[in-house]
């Protein structure tokens, strides 16, 4: 029964319109956050807004992709941006459920299916 209910809820919240709305909301919030805190260059790379010069407390590891925004200090090599672009697509697919699914996948990037899909080598995990 739990599987049926979770499947129904996922079907509702993963509907393209709701996922897109969640993605756009996350992007807007992250954009404002980055605009306020970024001290570095802001640029757009393949549809991803990249805010550099962010304080270290603002993200885990080398940076964070929230919606269509990547927040980082100096971790913005072309390979890393390719990795983060995959996370952007994951946000587009799952909307506001993405953080929950990411959390369920675990903190170990070597076992997290979203990090594996984005490319462990490009994300500097291996």
N, C-alpha and C. Protein backbone atom coordinates (compact mmCIF):
# COMPACT_ATOMS: atom_id res chain seq x y z
N UNK A 1 0.83 -1.20 0.00
CA UNK A 1 0.00 0.00 0.00
C UNK A 1 0.87 1.26 0.00
N UNK A 2 1.94 1.24 0.83
CA UNK A 2 2.84 2.41 0.88
C UNK A 2 3.46 2.66 -0.49
N UNK A 3 3.83 1.58 -1.18
CA UNK A 3 4.44 1.72 -2.50
C UNK A 3 3.44 2.33 -3.49
N UNK A 4 2.20 1.90 -3.39
CA UNK A 4 1.15 2.45 -4.26
C UNK A 4 0.96 3.94 -4.02
N UNK A 5 0.87 4.32 -2.74
CA UNK A 5 0.68 5.74 -2.39
C UNK A 5 1.89 6.56 -2.83
N UNK A 6 3.12 6.06 -2.56
CA UNK A 6 4.31 6.82 -2.97
C UNK A 6 4.39 6.92 -4.48
N UNK A 7 3.96 5.86 -5.19
CA UNK A 7 3.95 5.90 -6.65
C UNK A 7 2.96 6.93 -7.19
N UNK A 8 1.81 7.00 -6.57
CA UNK A 8 0.80 7.98 -6.98
C UNK A 8 1.29 9.39 -6.72
N UNK A 9 1.87 9.61 -5.52
CA UNK A 9 2.38 10.95 -5.19
C UNK A 9 3.52 11.34 -6.12
N UNK A 10 4.43 10.40 -6.39
CA UNK A 10 5.53 10.70 -7.30
C UNK A 10 4.99 11.05 -8.68
N UNK A 11 3.97 10.31 -9.13
CA UNK A 11 3.37 10.60 -10.42
C UNK A 11 2.78 12.00 -10.49
N UNK A 12 2.17 12.42 -9.39
CA UNK A 12 1.59 13.76 -9.34
C UNK A 12 2.67 14.82 -9.33
N UNK A 13 3.66 14.66 -8.42
CA UNK A 13 4.67 15.70 -8.26
C UNK A 13 5.74 15.68 -9.34
N UNK A 14 5.81 14.60 -10.09
CA UNK A 14 6.76 14.55 -11.19
C UNK A 14 6.11 14.90 -12.52
N UNK A 15 4.86 15.28 -12.47
CA UNK A 15 4.19 15.74 -13.69
C UNK A 15 5.00 16.91 -14.25
N UNK A 16 5.17 16.95 -15.55
CA UNK A 16 6.03 17.98 -16.14
C UNK A 16 5.77 19.40 -15.65
N UNK A 17 4.53 19.81 -15.53
CA UNK A 17 4.24 21.18 -15.10
C UNK A 17 4.68 21.43 -13.67
N UNK A 18 4.44 20.47 -12.77
CA UNK A 18 4.85 20.65 -11.38
C UNK A 18 6.36 20.57 -11.21
N UNK A 19 7.00 19.64 -11.93
CA UNK A 19 8.46 19.54 -11.87
C UNK A 19 9.08 20.83 -12.38
N UNK A 20 8.54 21.37 -13.47
CA UNK A 20 9.08 22.62 -14.02
C UNK A 20 8.89 23.77 -13.04
N UNK A 21 7.72 23.84 -12.42
CA UNK A 21 7.48 24.90 -11.44
C UNK A 21 8.46 24.78 -10.27
N UNK A 22 8.71 23.57 -9.81
CA UNK A 22 9.67 23.36 -8.73
C UNK A 22 11.07 23.75 -9.14
N UNK A 23 11.45 23.38 -10.36
CA UNK A 23 12.77 23.74 -10.89
C UNK A 23 12.93 25.27 -10.98
N UNK A 24 11.91 25.94 -11.50
CA UNK A 24 11.98 27.40 -11.63
C UNK A 24 12.01 28.08 -10.27
N UNK A 25 11.25 27.55 -9.31
CA UNK A 25 11.26 28.12 -7.96
C UNK A 25 12.65 27.97 -7.33
N UNK A 26 13.21 26.76 -7.42
CA UNK A 26 14.54 26.52 -6.85
C UNK A 26 15.58 27.42 -7.52
N UNK A 27 15.47 27.56 -8.82
CA UNK A 27 16.40 28.42 -9.57
C UNK A 27 16.30 29.87 -9.10
N UNK A 28 15.09 30.35 -8.94
CA UNK A 28 14.89 31.75 -8.51
C UNK A 28 15.46 31.99 -7.12
N UNK A 29 15.19 31.07 -6.20
CA UNK A 29 15.70 31.22 -4.82
C UNK A 29 17.22 31.19 -4.82
N UNK A 30 17.82 30.22 -5.54
CA UNK A 30 19.27 30.11 -5.58
C UNK A 30 19.90 31.32 -6.27
N UNK A 31 19.23 31.84 -7.29
CA UNK A 31 19.75 33.01 -8.00
C UNK A 31 19.84 34.20 -7.04
N UNK A 32 18.80 34.43 -6.27
CA UNK A 32 18.80 35.53 -5.30
C UNK A 32 19.90 35.30 -4.26
N UNK A 33 19.97 34.07 -3.74
CA UNK A 33 20.99 33.71 -2.75
C UNK A 33 22.39 33.99 -3.32
N UNK A 34 22.64 33.54 -4.56
CA UNK A 34 23.94 33.76 -5.19
C UNK A 34 24.21 35.23 -5.46
N UNK A 35 23.20 35.94 -5.90
CA UNK A 35 23.35 37.37 -6.20
C UNK A 35 23.75 38.14 -4.94
N UNK A 36 23.16 37.79 -3.80
CA UNK A 36 23.44 38.49 -2.55
C UNK A 36 24.82 38.14 -2.00
N UNK A 37 25.22 36.87 -2.10
CA UNK A 37 26.44 36.42 -1.42
C UNK A 37 27.68 36.30 -2.30
N UNK A 38 27.51 36.24 -3.61
CA UNK A 38 28.65 36.03 -4.49
C UNK A 38 29.54 37.27 -4.54
N UNK A 39 30.84 37.02 -4.44
CA UNK A 39 31.80 38.12 -4.57
C UNK A 39 32.62 37.97 -5.85
N UNK A 40 32.36 36.91 -6.59
CA UNK A 40 33.12 36.64 -7.81
C UNK A 40 32.30 36.88 -9.05
N UNK A 41 32.79 36.32 -10.11
CA UNK A 41 32.17 36.47 -11.41
C UNK A 41 30.88 35.65 -11.50
N UNK A 42 29.89 36.21 -12.14
CA UNK A 42 28.64 35.49 -12.40
C UNK A 42 28.57 35.32 -13.91
N UNK A 43 28.32 34.09 -14.34
CA UNK A 43 28.24 33.84 -15.78
C UNK A 43 27.22 32.76 -16.07
N UNK A 44 26.89 32.58 -17.32
CA UNK A 44 25.96 31.55 -17.75
C UNK A 44 26.70 30.60 -18.67
N UNK A 45 26.70 29.33 -18.32
CA UNK A 45 27.40 28.32 -19.10
C UNK A 45 26.41 27.20 -19.42
N UNK A 46 26.10 27.04 -20.68
CA UNK A 46 25.18 25.98 -21.12
C UNK A 46 23.89 25.96 -20.32
N UNK A 47 23.30 27.10 -20.08
CA UNK A 47 22.03 27.19 -19.37
C UNK A 47 22.15 27.19 -17.86
N UNK A 48 23.34 27.07 -17.34
CA UNK A 48 23.57 27.03 -15.90
C UNK A 48 24.14 28.37 -15.44
N UNK A 49 23.49 29.01 -14.47
CA UNK A 49 24.03 30.24 -13.87
C UNK A 49 25.12 29.82 -12.88
N UNK A 50 26.32 30.36 -13.04
CA UNK A 50 27.45 30.00 -12.19
C UNK A 50 27.83 31.22 -11.35
N UNK A 51 27.68 31.09 -10.04
CA UNK A 51 28.06 32.13 -9.10
C UNK A 51 29.33 31.69 -8.39
N UNK A 52 30.44 32.37 -8.65
CA UNK A 52 31.70 32.05 -7.98
C UNK A 52 31.95 33.06 -6.87
N UNK A 53 32.91 32.76 -6.04
CA UNK A 53 33.22 33.65 -4.92
C UNK A 53 32.22 33.53 -3.79
N UNK A 54 31.55 32.39 -3.70
CA UNK A 54 30.58 32.17 -2.63
C UNK A 54 31.32 31.80 -1.34
N UNK A 55 30.80 32.18 -0.18
CA UNK A 55 31.43 31.76 1.08
C UNK A 55 31.33 30.25 1.25
N UNK A 56 32.33 29.65 1.88
CA UNK A 56 32.41 28.19 2.01
C UNK A 56 31.22 27.60 2.75
N UNK A 57 30.61 28.34 3.66
CA UNK A 57 29.48 27.81 4.43
C UNK A 57 28.21 27.70 3.59
N UNK A 58 28.20 28.28 2.40
CA UNK A 58 26.99 28.33 1.58
C UNK A 58 26.72 27.03 0.80
N UNK A 59 27.66 26.09 0.83
CA UNK A 59 27.48 24.84 0.08
C UNK A 59 28.36 23.76 0.69
N UNK A 60 28.05 22.52 0.37
CA UNK A 60 28.85 21.39 0.81
C UNK A 60 29.84 21.03 -0.30
N UNK A 61 30.88 20.34 0.05
CA UNK A 61 31.89 19.90 -0.90
C UNK A 61 32.41 21.06 -1.72
N UNK A 62 32.50 20.94 -3.05
CA UNK A 62 33.07 22.00 -3.87
C UNK A 62 32.07 23.01 -4.38
N UNK A 63 30.79 22.73 -4.22
CA UNK A 63 29.75 23.62 -4.71
C UNK A 63 28.40 22.94 -4.64
N UNK A 64 27.37 23.67 -5.02
CA UNK A 64 26.01 23.11 -4.98
C UNK A 64 25.22 23.60 -6.18
N UNK A 65 24.54 22.66 -6.82
CA UNK A 65 23.63 23.00 -7.91
C UNK A 65 22.22 23.00 -7.35
N UNK A 66 21.57 24.14 -7.45
CA UNK A 66 20.19 24.28 -6.98
C UNK A 66 19.40 24.82 -8.16
N UNK A 67 18.52 23.96 -8.66
CA UNK A 67 17.80 24.34 -9.88
C UNK A 67 18.79 24.54 -11.01
N UNK A 68 18.74 25.68 -11.65
CA UNK A 68 19.65 26.00 -12.74
C UNK A 68 20.79 26.90 -12.32
N UNK A 69 21.14 26.87 -11.00
CA UNK A 69 22.19 27.73 -10.45
C UNK A 69 23.26 26.87 -9.79
N UNK A 70 24.52 27.16 -10.09
CA UNK A 70 25.64 26.48 -9.44
C UNK A 70 26.35 27.50 -8.56
N UNK A 71 26.42 27.21 -7.26
CA UNK A 71 27.06 28.08 -6.28
C UNK A 71 28.40 27.45 -5.88
N UNK A 72 29.49 28.22 -5.99
CA UNK A 72 30.81 27.70 -5.67
C UNK A 72 31.74 28.84 -5.30
N UNK A 73 32.91 28.47 -4.82
CA UNK A 73 33.94 29.48 -4.59
C UNK A 73 34.84 29.54 -5.83
N UNK A 74 35.64 28.49 -6.02
CA UNK A 74 36.55 28.47 -7.17
C UNK A 74 36.46 27.17 -7.97
N UNK A 75 35.56 26.29 -7.63
CA UNK A 75 35.46 24.97 -8.26
C UNK A 75 34.56 25.05 -9.49
N UNK A 76 35.10 25.60 -10.59
CA UNK A 76 34.27 25.77 -11.78
C UNK A 76 35.03 25.49 -13.07
N UNK A 77 35.76 24.39 -13.06
CA UNK A 77 36.46 23.96 -14.27
C UNK A 77 35.42 23.49 -15.30
N UNK A 78 35.81 23.40 -16.57
CA UNK A 78 34.86 22.90 -17.58
C UNK A 78 34.29 21.52 -17.24
N UNK A 79 35.10 20.62 -16.70
CA UNK A 79 34.61 19.28 -16.35
C UNK A 79 33.58 19.36 -15.23
N UNK A 80 33.85 20.17 -14.23
CA UNK A 80 32.90 20.32 -13.11
C UNK A 80 31.59 20.92 -13.62
N UNK A 81 31.68 21.89 -14.51
CA UNK A 81 30.45 22.50 -15.04
C UNK A 81 29.64 21.51 -15.87
N UNK A 82 30.31 20.58 -16.56
CA UNK A 82 29.58 19.52 -17.26
C UNK A 82 28.85 18.64 -16.26
N UNK A 83 29.52 18.32 -15.15
CA UNK A 83 28.93 17.52 -14.07
C UNK A 83 27.70 18.24 -13.49
N UNK A 84 27.84 19.52 -13.23
CA UNK A 84 26.74 20.29 -12.65
C UNK A 84 25.59 20.47 -13.63
N UNK A 85 25.90 20.50 -14.92
CA UNK A 85 24.83 20.61 -15.93
C UNK A 85 23.93 19.38 -15.89
N UNK A 86 24.49 18.22 -15.55
CA UNK A 86 23.66 17.01 -15.40
C UNK A 86 22.75 17.17 -14.19
N UNK A 87 23.28 17.73 -13.09
CA UNK A 87 22.43 17.98 -11.92
C UNK A 87 21.29 18.95 -12.27
N UNK A 88 21.58 19.91 -13.11
CA UNK A 88 20.52 20.84 -13.56
C UNK A 88 19.41 20.07 -14.27
N UNK A 89 19.77 19.13 -15.11
CA UNK A 89 18.77 18.31 -15.80
C UNK A 89 18.00 17.44 -14.80
N UNK A 90 18.69 16.97 -13.77
CA UNK A 90 18.00 16.19 -12.73
C UNK A 90 16.98 17.06 -12.00
N UNK A 91 17.35 18.30 -11.72
CA UNK A 91 16.40 19.25 -11.11
C UNK A 91 15.20 19.45 -12.02
N UNK A 92 15.45 19.57 -13.32
CA UNK A 92 14.35 19.78 -14.27
C UNK A 92 13.41 18.57 -14.29
N UNK A 93 13.97 17.38 -14.17
CA UNK A 93 13.16 16.17 -14.22
C UNK A 93 12.34 15.97 -12.95
N UNK A 94 12.95 16.21 -11.77
CA UNK A 94 12.31 15.89 -10.50
C UNK A 94 11.76 17.09 -9.75
N UNK A 95 12.10 18.30 -10.16
CA UNK A 95 11.60 19.49 -9.48
C UNK A 95 12.00 19.51 -8.02
N UNK A 96 11.08 19.93 -7.17
CA UNK A 96 11.38 20.08 -5.74
C UNK A 96 11.52 18.74 -5.02
N UNK A 97 11.24 17.64 -5.69
CA UNK A 97 11.48 16.33 -5.09
C UNK A 97 12.95 15.93 -5.20
N UNK A 98 13.71 16.61 -6.06
CA UNK A 98 15.11 16.23 -6.25
C UNK A 98 15.92 16.24 -4.96
N UNK A 99 15.84 17.27 -4.11
CA UNK A 99 16.62 17.22 -2.87
C UNK A 99 16.27 16.01 -2.00
N UNK A 100 14.99 15.65 -1.96
CA UNK A 100 14.57 14.49 -1.18
C UNK A 100 15.13 13.21 -1.79
N UNK A 101 15.04 13.04 -3.10
CA UNK A 101 15.58 11.86 -3.76
C UNK A 101 17.10 11.79 -3.59
N UNK A 102 17.75 12.94 -3.69
CA UNK A 102 19.21 12.99 -3.53
C UNK A 102 19.58 12.55 -2.11
N UNK A 103 18.85 13.03 -1.13
CA UNK A 103 19.09 12.67 0.26
C UNK A 103 18.91 11.15 0.46
N UNK A 104 17.86 10.60 -0.13
CA UNK A 104 17.62 9.16 -0.04
C UNK A 104 18.74 8.35 -0.68
N UNK A 105 19.37 8.90 -1.70
CA UNK A 105 20.45 8.20 -2.40
C UNK A 105 21.72 8.13 -1.56
N UNK A 106 21.82 8.93 -0.51
CA UNK A 106 22.95 8.85 0.41
C UNK A 106 24.02 9.90 0.19
N UNK A 107 24.80 10.13 1.24
CA UNK A 107 25.84 11.17 1.21
C UNK A 107 27.13 10.70 0.53
N UNK A 108 27.31 9.41 0.40
CA UNK A 108 28.53 8.90 -0.24
C UNK A 108 28.39 9.07 -1.76
N UNK A 109 29.17 9.99 -2.35
CA UNK A 109 29.02 10.24 -3.78
C UNK A 109 29.34 9.02 -4.64
N UNK A 110 30.16 8.11 -4.14
CA UNK A 110 30.51 6.93 -4.91
C UNK A 110 29.36 5.93 -5.01
N UNK A 111 28.34 6.09 -4.16
CA UNK A 111 27.17 5.23 -4.18
C UNK A 111 25.89 5.98 -4.54
N UNK A 112 25.96 7.30 -4.60
CA UNK A 112 24.79 8.14 -4.89
C UNK A 112 24.52 8.09 -6.39
N UNK A 113 23.35 7.60 -6.77
CA UNK A 113 23.05 7.40 -8.19
C UNK A 113 23.04 8.71 -8.99
N UNK A 114 22.73 9.82 -8.32
CA UNK A 114 22.71 11.10 -9.02
C UNK A 114 24.12 11.60 -9.31
N UNK A 115 25.05 11.36 -8.39
CA UNK A 115 26.46 11.72 -8.62
C UNK A 115 27.07 10.81 -9.67
N UNK A 116 26.73 9.54 -9.61
CA UNK A 116 27.25 8.59 -10.61
C UNK A 116 26.76 9.00 -12.00
N UNK A 117 25.47 9.33 -12.11
CA UNK A 117 24.91 9.76 -13.39
C UNK A 117 25.58 11.03 -13.90
N UNK A 118 25.92 11.94 -13.00
CA UNK A 118 26.54 13.20 -13.40
C UNK A 118 28.02 13.02 -13.76
N UNK A 119 28.61 11.90 -13.34
CA UNK A 119 30.01 11.62 -13.66
C UNK A 119 30.92 11.87 -12.47
N UNK A 120 31.35 10.80 -11.85
CA UNK A 120 32.20 10.93 -10.64
C UNK A 120 33.53 11.60 -10.96
N UNK A 121 34.11 11.27 -12.10
CA UNK A 121 35.41 11.85 -12.46
C UNK A 121 35.28 13.35 -12.72
N UNK A 122 34.26 13.74 -13.46
CA UNK A 122 34.05 15.16 -13.76
C UNK A 122 33.71 15.95 -12.51
N UNK A 123 33.09 15.29 -11.53
CA UNK A 123 32.75 15.94 -10.27
C UNK A 123 33.87 15.91 -9.25
N UNK A 124 35.05 15.40 -9.67
CA UNK A 124 36.23 15.31 -8.80
C UNK A 124 36.03 14.38 -7.60
N UNK A 125 35.27 13.31 -7.81
CA UNK A 125 35.04 12.35 -6.73
C UNK A 125 35.98 11.15 -6.84
N UNK A 126 36.56 10.91 -8.01
CA UNK A 126 37.53 9.81 -8.16
C UNK A 126 38.76 10.33 -8.86
